[in-house]
Amino acid sequence: MRKYFIWALALPDKLVLNAATLGPIGFKTKAPGTLGSVVGIFWYIVAFHHLAPFEYLLLLLLSAYVSMAICDQAEIRMKMRDPGVIILDEFVAIPFCFIGLFDPAQYGITLLWPWLLAGFLLFRFFDILKPLGINKLQKMEGGVGVVADDLGAALITCAMLHGIAMYVA
């Protein structure tokens, strides 16, 4: 898989490590993944919430690909396998939790914050416990494994949020 991220070899160490840890944020707490997820909620609000479906999908795929490359290089340069300070994976995964959820034609959700909170809590639950095969995704090589388990947790969260939305709508 690393051959798909060859471009990331040219990135300076400082850029790779700052991107992977979201600057100093990955070092700020004993629960860096939780803090990375909180920042990911803001990333969703600012960058994704008002996008059309095609733009949303395009930005999701681009951010997942770039984060896999960055996390891959961060692992290599830190000489560690998926260290906790790498939180770009949680940050990038959060918008996957909300795919299609806020489409007015779908459920008519108007109050955003309860859904963001539910998505955050479900995502953290699945990201920490890694049930339903998510733990197998983490065993994939390099940056793909770093990011894939978070994407798996986010997609399961997304499915659960849609199930809840169907029930309450």
N, C-alpha and C. Protein backbone atom coordinates (compact mmCIF):
# COMPACT_ATOMS: atom_id res chain seq x y z
N MET A 1 0.81 -1.21 0.00
CA MET A 1 0.00 0.00 0.00
C MET A 1 0.85 1.26 0.00
N ARG A 2 2.02 1.17 0.57
CA ARG A 2 2.85 2.38 0.70
C ARG A 2 3.20 2.99 -0.65
N LYS A 3 3.17 2.21 -1.71
CA LYS A 3 3.51 2.75 -3.03
C LYS A 3 2.52 3.82 -3.46
N TYR A 4 1.31 3.81 -2.89
CA TYR A 4 0.31 4.81 -3.24
C TYR A 4 0.54 6.14 -2.52
N PHE A 5 1.46 6.13 -1.58
CA PHE A 5 1.74 7.33 -0.79
C PHE A 5 3.16 7.84 -1.04
N ILE A 6 3.75 7.48 -2.16
CA ILE A 6 5.14 7.81 -2.43
C ILE A 6 5.40 9.32 -2.38
N TRP A 7 4.40 10.10 -2.74
CA TRP A 7 4.53 11.56 -2.72
C TRP A 7 4.81 12.08 -1.31
N ALA A 8 4.33 11.37 -0.30
CA ALA A 8 4.48 11.83 1.08
C ALA A 8 5.92 11.73 1.58
N LEU A 9 6.75 10.96 0.87
CA LEU A 9 8.16 10.86 1.25
C LEU A 9 8.86 12.21 1.16
N ALA A 10 8.38 13.06 0.27
CA ALA A 10 9.02 14.36 0.05
C ALA A 10 8.63 15.40 1.09
N LEU A 11 7.65 15.11 1.92
CA LEU A 11 7.20 16.08 2.92
C LEU A 11 8.22 16.19 4.05
N PRO A 12 8.48 17.39 4.53
CA PRO A 12 9.41 17.56 5.65
C PRO A 12 8.87 16.92 6.93
N ASP A 13 9.78 16.45 7.76
CA ASP A 13 9.40 15.81 9.03
C ASP A 13 8.45 16.67 9.85
N LYS A 14 8.79 17.95 9.97
CA LYS A 14 7.98 18.85 10.81
C LYS A 14 6.54 18.91 10.31
N LEU A 15 6.34 18.99 9.01
CA LEU A 15 5.00 19.03 8.43
C LEU A 15 4.24 17.74 8.71
N VAL A 16 4.89 16.61 8.48
CA VAL A 16 4.26 15.31 8.70
C VAL A 16 3.85 15.14 10.16
N LEU A 17 4.77 15.43 11.07
CA LEU A 17 4.49 15.21 12.49
C LEU A 17 3.45 16.19 13.01
N ASN A 18 3.50 17.44 12.56
CA ASN A 18 2.49 18.41 12.99
C ASN A 18 1.10 18.07 12.42
N ALA A 19 1.05 17.60 11.20
CA ALA A 19 -0.24 17.22 10.62
C ALA A 19 -0.79 15.99 11.34
N ALA A 20 0.05 15.00 11.59
CA ALA A 20 -0.40 13.75 12.22
C ALA A 20 -0.90 13.96 13.65
N THR A 21 -0.29 14.91 14.35
CA THR A 21 -0.66 15.16 15.75
C THR A 21 -1.56 16.39 15.90
N LEU A 22 -1.95 16.97 14.77
CA LEU A 22 -2.71 18.23 14.76
C LEU A 22 -1.98 19.28 15.60
N GLY A 23 -0.71 19.44 15.26
CA GLY A 23 0.12 20.39 16.00
C GLY A 23 0.30 19.89 17.42
N PRO A 24 0.10 20.74 18.39
CA PRO A 24 0.31 20.33 19.79
C PRO A 24 -0.87 19.54 20.38
N ILE A 25 -1.98 19.45 19.66
CA ILE A 25 -3.20 18.86 20.23
C ILE A 25 -3.00 17.41 20.64
N GLY A 26 -2.26 16.64 19.85
CA GLY A 26 -2.03 15.24 20.17
C GLY A 26 -1.26 15.02 21.45
N PHE A 27 -0.61 16.06 21.94
CA PHE A 27 0.20 15.96 23.15
C PHE A 27 -0.46 16.60 24.36
N LYS A 28 -1.67 17.15 24.20
CA LYS A 28 -2.30 17.97 25.24
C LYS A 28 -2.99 17.20 26.36
N THR A 29 -3.31 15.94 26.17
CA THR A 29 -4.13 15.23 27.14
C THR A 29 -3.77 13.76 27.18
N LYS A 30 -4.27 13.06 28.19
CA LYS A 30 -4.07 11.62 28.28
C LYS A 30 -5.02 10.87 27.35
N ALA A 31 -5.99 11.58 26.79
CA ALA A 31 -6.94 10.98 25.85
C ALA A 31 -6.88 11.75 24.53
N PRO A 32 -5.75 11.64 23.81
CA PRO A 32 -5.60 12.45 22.60
C PRO A 32 -6.62 12.11 21.52
N GLY A 33 -7.04 10.86 21.42
CA GLY A 33 -8.02 10.48 20.40
C GLY A 33 -9.36 11.16 20.63
N THR A 34 -9.73 11.33 21.88
CA THR A 34 -10.97 12.02 22.21
C THR A 34 -10.86 13.49 21.82
N LEU A 35 -9.75 14.11 22.12
CA LEU A 35 -9.57 15.51 21.75
C LEU A 35 -9.52 15.67 20.22
N GLY A 36 -8.88 14.74 19.54
CA GLY A 36 -8.86 14.76 18.08
C GLY A 36 -10.25 14.62 17.49
N SER A 37 -11.10 13.84 18.16
CA SER A 37 -12.49 13.68 17.71
C SER A 37 -13.28 14.96 17.92
N VAL A 38 -13.05 15.64 19.04
CA VAL A 38 -13.71 16.93 19.29
C VAL A 38 -13.34 17.93 18.21
N VAL A 39 -12.06 18.00 17.89
CA VAL A 39 -11.62 18.91 16.83
C VAL A 39 -12.23 18.46 15.49
N GLY A 40 -12.40 17.16 15.32
CA GLY A 40 -13.03 16.63 14.11
C GLY A 40 -14.48 17.07 13.97
N ILE A 41 -15.18 17.25 15.08
CA ILE A 41 -16.56 17.77 15.04
C ILE A 41 -16.54 19.19 14.44
N PHE A 42 -15.60 19.99 14.88
CA PHE A 42 -15.49 21.35 14.33
C PHE A 42 -15.10 21.30 12.84
N TRP A 43 -14.23 20.38 12.49
CA TRP A 43 -13.84 20.16 11.09
C TRP A 43 -15.10 19.83 10.27
N TYR A 44 -15.94 18.95 10.80
CA TYR A 44 -17.19 18.62 10.10
C TYR A 44 -18.05 19.87 9.91
N ILE A 45 -18.27 20.63 10.98
CA ILE A 45 -19.15 21.81 10.92
C ILE A 45 -18.63 22.83 9.90
N VAL A 46 -17.33 23.09 9.94
CA VAL A 46 -16.75 24.12 9.08
C VAL A 46 -16.62 23.66 7.62
N ALA A 47 -16.16 22.43 7.42
CA ALA A 47 -15.80 22.01 6.07
C ALA A 47 -16.86 21.15 5.37
N PHE A 48 -17.72 20.45 6.09
CA PHE A 48 -18.60 19.47 5.46
C PHE A 48 -20.09 19.77 5.52
N HIS A 49 -20.54 20.34 6.60
CA HIS A 49 -21.98 20.40 6.88
C HIS A 49 -22.82 21.00 5.75
N HIS A 50 -22.30 21.98 5.05
CA HIS A 50 -23.10 22.65 4.02
C HIS A 50 -22.74 22.22 2.60
N LEU A 51 -21.99 21.14 2.46
CA LEU A 51 -21.60 20.68 1.13
C LEU A 51 -22.71 19.88 0.46
N ALA A 52 -22.75 19.95 -0.85
CA ALA A 52 -23.62 19.08 -1.64
C ALA A 52 -23.06 17.65 -1.55
N PRO A 53 -23.90 16.64 -1.78
CA PRO A 53 -23.45 15.25 -1.60
C PRO A 53 -22.17 14.87 -2.36
N PHE A 54 -22.05 15.27 -3.62
CA PHE A 54 -20.85 14.92 -4.38
C PHE A 54 -19.61 15.59 -3.79
N GLU A 55 -19.72 16.85 -3.42
CA GLU A 55 -18.59 17.57 -2.82
C GLU A 55 -18.21 16.94 -1.48
N TYR A 56 -19.22 16.55 -0.72
CA TYR A 56 -19.01 15.90 0.59
C TYR A 56 -18.19 14.63 0.38
N LEU A 57 -18.65 13.80 -0.55
CA LEU A 57 -17.97 12.53 -0.82
C LEU A 57 -16.55 12.76 -1.32
N LEU A 58 -16.37 13.71 -2.19
CA LEU A 58 -15.04 14.01 -2.73
C LEU A 58 -14.09 14.45 -1.61
N LEU A 59 -14.55 15.34 -0.75
CA LEU A 59 -13.71 15.80 0.36
C LEU A 59 -13.43 14.68 1.35
N LEU A 60 -14.42 13.80 1.59
CA LEU A 60 -14.20 12.64 2.46
C LEU A 60 -13.07 11.77 1.93
N LEU A 61 -13.17 11.43 0.66
CA LEU A 61 -12.18 10.53 0.06
C LEU A 61 -10.79 11.16 0.01
N LEU A 62 -10.74 12.42 -0.34
CA LEU A 62 -9.46 13.13 -0.40
C LEU A 62 -8.83 13.21 0.99
N SER A 63 -9.61 13.58 1.99
CA SER A 63 -9.05 13.71 3.34
C SER A 63 -8.63 12.36 3.89
N ALA A 64 -9.37 11.28 3.59
CA ALA A 64 -8.98 9.95 4.05
C ALA A 64 -7.66 9.52 3.40
N TYR A 65 -7.54 9.75 2.10
CA TYR A 65 -6.31 9.39 1.38
C TYR A 65 -5.10 10.16 1.92
N VAL A 66 -5.25 11.47 2.06
CA VAL A 66 -4.14 12.29 2.54
C VAL A 66 -3.77 11.89 3.98
N SER A 67 -4.76 11.63 4.80
CA SER A 67 -4.45 11.25 6.19
C SER A 67 -3.76 9.90 6.25
N MET A 68 -4.11 8.97 5.36
CA MET A 68 -3.40 7.68 5.34
C MET A 68 -1.93 7.88 5.00
N ALA A 69 -1.66 8.75 4.04
CA ALA A 69 -0.27 9.02 3.65
C ALA A 69 0.49 9.70 4.78
N ILE A 70 -0.13 10.69 5.41
CA ILE A 70 0.52 11.42 6.50
C ILE A 70 0.77 10.48 7.68
N CYS A 71 -0.25 9.71 8.06
CA CYS A 71 -0.10 8.79 9.20
C CYS A 71 0.94 7.71 8.90
N ASP A 72 1.01 7.28 7.66
CA ASP A 72 2.02 6.30 7.26
C ASP A 72 3.42 6.86 7.49
N GLN A 73 3.64 8.07 7.01
CA GLN A 73 4.95 8.69 7.18
C GLN A 73 5.23 9.02 8.64
N ALA A 74 4.21 9.40 9.38
CA ALA A 74 4.41 9.71 10.81
C ALA A 74 4.86 8.46 11.56
N GLU A 75 4.24 7.32 11.26
CA GLU A 75 4.67 6.07 11.90
C GLU A 75 6.14 5.78 11.61
N ILE A 76 6.50 5.92 10.35
CA ILE A 76 7.88 5.64 9.94
C ILE A 76 8.85 6.59 10.65
N ARG A 77 8.52 7.86 10.64
CA ARG A 77 9.44 8.86 11.19
C ARG A 77 9.49 8.84 12.72
N MET A 78 8.39 8.42 13.34
CA MET A 78 8.39 8.31 14.80
C MET A 78 8.92 6.95 15.25
N LYS A 79 9.05 6.03 14.30
CA LYS A 79 9.50 4.66 14.58
C LYS A 79 8.60 3.98 15.62
N MET A 80 7.28 4.19 15.44
CA MET A 80 6.29 3.61 16.35
C MET A 80 5.07 3.17 15.54
N ARG A 81 4.42 2.13 16.01
CA ARG A 81 3.20 1.65 15.36
C ARG A 81 1.99 2.33 16.01
N ASP A 82 1.28 3.14 15.25
CA ASP A 82 0.05 3.83 15.65
C ASP A 82 0.13 4.43 17.06
N PRO A 83 1.08 5.33 17.30
CA PRO A 83 1.16 5.95 18.63
C PRO A 83 -0.06 6.82 18.90
N GLY A 84 -0.43 6.92 20.16
CA GLY A 84 -1.62 7.67 20.56
C GLY A 84 -1.60 9.13 20.19
N VAL A 85 -0.41 9.71 20.04
CA VAL A 85 -0.33 11.13 19.71
C VAL A 85 -0.76 11.42 18.27
N ILE A 86 -0.77 10.40 17.42
CA ILE A 86 -1.29 10.57 16.06
C ILE A 86 -2.80 10.58 16.15
N ILE A 87 -3.39 11.75 15.89
CA ILE A 87 -4.84 11.90 16.01
C ILE A 87 -5.49 12.40 14.74
N LEU A 88 -4.72 12.51 13.68
CA LEU A 88 -5.29 12.90 12.39
C LEU A 88 -6.35 11.90 11.95
N ASP A 89 -6.19 10.64 12.32
CA ASP A 89 -7.14 9.60 11.93
C ASP A 89 -8.53 9.84 12.55
N GLU A 90 -8.59 10.19 13.81
CA GLU A 90 -9.89 10.51 14.44
C GLU A 90 -10.49 11.78 13.82
N PHE A 91 -9.66 12.76 13.66
CA PHE A 91 -10.08 14.04 13.08
C PHE A 91 -10.74 13.84 11.71
N VAL A 92 -10.12 13.05 10.87
CA VAL A 92 -10.61 12.82 9.51
C VAL A 92 -11.82 11.89 9.50
N ALA A 93 -11.92 11.00 10.46
CA ALA A 93 -13.01 10.02 10.46
C ALA A 93 -14.35 10.62 10.88
N ILE A 94 -14.35 11.63 11.71
CA ILE A 94 -15.59 12.19 12.24
C ILE A 94 -16.61 12.56 11.15
N PRO A 95 -16.23 13.24 10.07
CA PRO A 95 -17.25 13.55 9.05
C PRO A 95 -17.91 12.32 8.42
N PHE A 96 -17.24 11.16 8.47
CA PHE A 96 -17.85 9.93 7.96
C PHE A 96 -19.06 9.52 8.80
N CYS A 97 -19.08 9.94 10.06
CA CYS A 97 -20.20 9.61 10.95
C CYS A 97 -21.51 10.21 10.48
N PHE A 98 -21.44 11.30 9.74
CA PHE A 98 -22.64 12.09 9.43
C PHE A 98 -23.02 12.06 7.95
N ILE A 99 -22.50 11.10 7.20
CA ILE A 99 -22.82 11.00 5.77
C ILE A 99 -24.34 10.91 5.59
N GLY A 100 -24.90 11.85 4.86
CA GLY A 100 -26.32 11.83 4.51
C GLY A 100 -27.29 12.09 5.64
N LEU A 101 -26.81 12.28 6.83
CA LEU A 101 -27.70 12.40 7.99
C LEU A 101 -28.49 13.70 7.99
N PHE A 102 -27.88 14.77 7.55
CA PHE A 102 -28.52 16.08 7.65
C PHE A 102 -29.13 16.54 6.33
N ASP A 103 -29.38 15.61 5.43
CA ASP A 103 -30.07 15.92 4.18
C ASP A 103 -31.53 16.22 4.54
N PRO A 104 -32.00 17.45 4.27
CA PRO A 104 -33.37 17.82 4.67
C PRO A 104 -34.44 16.90 4.10
N ALA A 105 -34.22 16.35 2.94
CA ALA A 105 -35.20 15.45 2.32
C ALA A 105 -35.22 14.09 3.01
N GLN A 106 -34.16 13.77 3.73
CA GLN A 106 -34.04 12.45 4.36
C GLN A 106 -34.83 12.37 5.67
N TYR A 107 -34.44 13.14 6.68
CA TYR A 107 -35.05 13.04 8.01
C TYR A 107 -35.61 14.35 8.52
N GLY A 108 -35.25 15.46 7.92
CA GLY A 108 -35.72 16.76 8.38
C GLY A 108 -35.13 17.18 9.70
N ILE A 109 -33.92 16.77 9.99
CA ILE A 109 -33.25 17.13 11.24
C ILE A 109 -32.92 18.62 11.20
N THR A 110 -33.39 19.34 12.20
CA THR A 110 -33.10 20.78 12.25
C THR A 110 -32.18 21.15 13.40
N LEU A 111 -32.21 20.39 14.49
CA LEU A 111 -31.36 20.67 15.64
C LEU A 111 -30.08 19.84 15.53
N LEU A 112 -28.98 20.49 15.30
CA LEU A 112 -27.72 19.83 14.96
C LEU A 112 -27.00 19.23 16.16
N TRP A 113 -26.89 19.97 17.26
CA TRP A 113 -25.99 19.57 18.35
C TRP A 113 -26.29 18.21 18.97
N PRO A 114 -27.57 17.79 19.15
CA PRO A 114 -27.77 16.45 19.75
C PRO A 114 -27.22 15.33 18.87
N TRP A 115 -27.31 15.53 17.56
CA TRP A 115 -26.82 14.52 16.63
C TRP A 115 -25.29 14.51 16.60
N LEU A 116 -24.70 15.68 16.69
CA LEU A 116 -23.24 15.75 16.76
C LEU A 116 -22.73 15.08 18.03
N LEU A 117 -23.41 15.34 19.14
CA LEU A 117 -23.02 14.71 20.41
C LEU A 117 -23.19 13.20 20.34
N ALA A 118 -24.32 12.75 19.82
CA ALA A 118 -24.55 11.30 19.69
C ALA A 118 -23.50 10.67 18.78
N GLY A 119 -23.20 11.34 17.67
CA GLY A 119 -22.18 10.83 16.76
C GLY A 119 -20.81 10.75 17.42
N PHE A 120 -20.47 11.78 18.16
CA PHE A 120 -19.20 11.80 18.87
C PHE A 120 -19.12 10.64 19.87
N LEU A 121 -20.16 10.48 20.68
CA LEU A 121 -20.15 9.43 21.71
C LEU A 121 -20.12 8.02 21.10
N LEU A 122 -20.93 7.80 20.07
CA LEU A 122 -20.92 6.49 19.41
C LEU A 122 -19.57 6.22 18.75
N PHE A 123 -19.03 7.24 18.10
CA PHE A 123 -17.73 7.06 17.45
C PHE A 123 -16.66 6.70 18.47
N ARG A 124 -16.61 7.41 19.57
CA ARG A 124 -15.60 7.11 20.58
C ARG A 124 -15.78 5.69 21.14
N PHE A 125 -17.05 5.30 21.35
CA PHE A 125 -17.34 3.94 21.83
C PHE A 125 -16.76 2.90 20.87
N PHE A 126 -17.08 3.03 19.58
CA PHE A 126 -16.61 2.05 18.60
C PHE A 126 -15.11 2.16 18.34
N ASP A 127 -14.57 3.35 18.41
CA ASP A 127 -13.14 3.53 18.18
C ASP A 127 -12.32 2.94 19.33
N ILE A 128 -12.81 3.07 20.53
CA ILE A 128 -12.07 2.55 21.70
C ILE A 128 -12.22 1.03 21.82
N LEU A 129 -13.45 0.51 21.72
CA LEU A 129 -13.68 -0.92 21.92
C LEU A 129 -13.36 -1.76 20.69
N LYS A 130 -13.48 -1.18 19.51
CA LYS A 130 -13.18 -1.85 18.24
C LYS A 130 -13.91 -3.18 18.06
N PRO A 131 -15.25 -3.18 18.22
CA PRO A 131 -16.00 -4.41 17.99
C PRO A 131 -16.28 -4.60 16.49
N LEU A 132 -16.98 -5.67 16.16
CA LEU A 132 -17.50 -5.90 14.81
C LEU A 132 -16.42 -5.90 13.73
N GLY A 133 -15.24 -6.40 14.07
CA GLY A 133 -14.16 -6.49 13.09
C GLY A 133 -13.32 -5.24 12.93
N ILE A 134 -13.62 -4.18 13.66
CA ILE A 134 -12.84 -2.95 13.54
C ILE A 134 -11.38 -3.21 13.95
N ASN A 135 -11.19 -4.09 14.94
CA ASN A 135 -9.83 -4.39 15.39
C ASN A 135 -8.99 -5.00 14.26
N LYS A 136 -9.62 -5.73 13.34
CA LYS A 136 -8.90 -6.32 12.21
C LYS A 136 -8.42 -5.24 11.24
N LEU A 137 -9.20 -4.18 11.11
CA LEU A 137 -8.81 -3.08 10.22
C LEU A 137 -7.54 -2.41 10.72
N GLN A 138 -7.40 -2.30 12.03
CA GLN A 138 -6.23 -1.64 12.62
C GLN A 138 -4.95 -2.41 12.33
N LYS A 139 -5.06 -3.69 12.04
CA LYS A 139 -3.89 -4.52 11.79
C LYS A 139 -3.35 -4.38 10.37
N MET A 140 -4.05 -3.62 9.54
CA MET A 140 -3.56 -3.40 8.18
C MET A 140 -2.25 -2.60 8.25
N GLU A 141 -1.48 -2.68 7.19
CA GLU A 141 -0.14 -2.07 7.17
C GLU A 141 -0.18 -0.55 7.18
N GLY A 142 0.72 0.04 7.96
CA GLY A 142 1.02 1.47 7.92
C GLY A 142 -0.15 2.40 8.14
N GLY A 143 -0.14 3.48 7.39
CA GLY A 143 -1.16 4.52 7.54
C GLY A 143 -2.56 4.03 7.20
N VAL A 144 -2.65 3.03 6.36
CA VAL A 144 -3.98 2.48 6.04
C VAL A 144 -4.60 1.90 7.30
N GLY A 145 -3.83 1.15 8.06
CA GLY A 145 -4.33 0.57 9.30
C GLY A 145 -4.63 1.61 10.36
N VAL A 146 -3.80 2.66 10.39
CA VAL A 146 -4.02 3.73 11.37
C VAL A 146 -5.38 4.38 11.14
N VAL A 147 -5.71 4.62 9.89
CA VAL A 147 -6.94 5.34 9.54
C VAL A 147 -8.13 4.40 9.38
N ALA A 148 -7.92 3.19 8.86
CA ALA A 148 -9.04 2.29 8.52
C ALA A 148 -9.91 1.93 9.72
N ASP A 149 -9.32 1.69 10.88
CA ASP A 149 -10.15 1.34 12.03
C ASP A 149 -11.05 2.50 12.44
N ASP A 150 -10.55 3.72 12.30
CA ASP A 150 -11.37 4.90 12.62
C ASP A 150 -12.49 5.08 11.60
N LEU A 151 -12.19 4.81 10.34
CA LEU A 151 -13.23 4.89 9.32
C LEU A 151 -14.29 3.82 9.55
N GLY A 152 -13.86 2.63 9.96
CA GLY A 152 -14.81 1.57 10.29
C GLY A 152 -15.71 1.99 11.45
N ALA A 153 -15.12 2.55 12.49
CA ALA A 153 -15.91 3.03 13.64
C ALA A 153 -16.87 4.12 13.21
N ALA A 154 -16.42 5.00 12.33
CA ALA A 154 -17.26 6.10 11.86
C ALA A 154 -18.43 5.60 11.01
N LEU A 155 -18.17 4.61 10.16
CA LEU A 155 -19.24 4.10 9.30
C LEU A 155 -20.29 3.32 10.11
N ILE A 156 -19.85 2.61 11.13
CA ILE A 156 -20.82 1.94 12.01
C ILE A 156 -21.62 2.99 12.77
N THR A 157 -20.96 4.03 13.23
CA THR A 157 -21.65 5.15 13.88
C THR A 157 -22.68 5.75 12.94
N CYS A 158 -22.29 5.96 11.70
CA CYS A 158 -23.20 6.53 10.70
C CYS A 158 -24.44 5.66 10.53
N ALA A 159 -24.24 4.36 10.43
CA ALA A 159 -25.38 3.44 10.28
C ALA A 159 -26.29 3.51 11.50
N MET A 160 -25.71 3.57 12.67
CA MET A 160 -26.52 3.66 13.90
C MET A 160 -27.29 4.98 13.96
N LEU A 161 -26.65 6.08 13.59
CA LEU A 161 -27.33 7.38 13.60
C LEU A 161 -28.49 7.38 12.61
N HIS A 162 -28.30 6.78 11.45
CA HIS A 162 -29.40 6.69 10.48
C HIS A 162 -30.54 5.84 11.03
N GLY A 163 -30.19 4.76 11.72
CA GLY A 163 -31.23 3.93 12.34
C GLY A 163 -32.02 4.70 13.39
N ILE A 164 -31.32 5.46 14.21
CA ILE A 164 -31.98 6.29 15.22
C ILE A 164 -32.85 7.35 14.56
N ALA A 165 -32.32 7.99 13.52
CA ALA A 165 -33.06 9.04 12.81
C ALA A 165 -34.34 8.47 12.18
N MET A 166 -34.27 7.27 11.63
CA MET A 166 -35.47 6.65 11.05
C MET A 166 -36.52 6.38 12.14
N TYR A 167 -36.05 6.01 13.30
CA TYR A 167 -36.95 5.69 14.40
C TYR A 167 -37.64 6.94 14.95
N VAL A 168 -36.89 8.03 15.09
CA VAL A 168 -37.45 9.24 15.71
C VAL A 168 -38.12 10.17 14.69
N ALA A 169 -37.84 9.98 13.40
CA ALA A 169 -38.43 10.87 12.38
C ALA A 169 -39.89 10.56 12.11
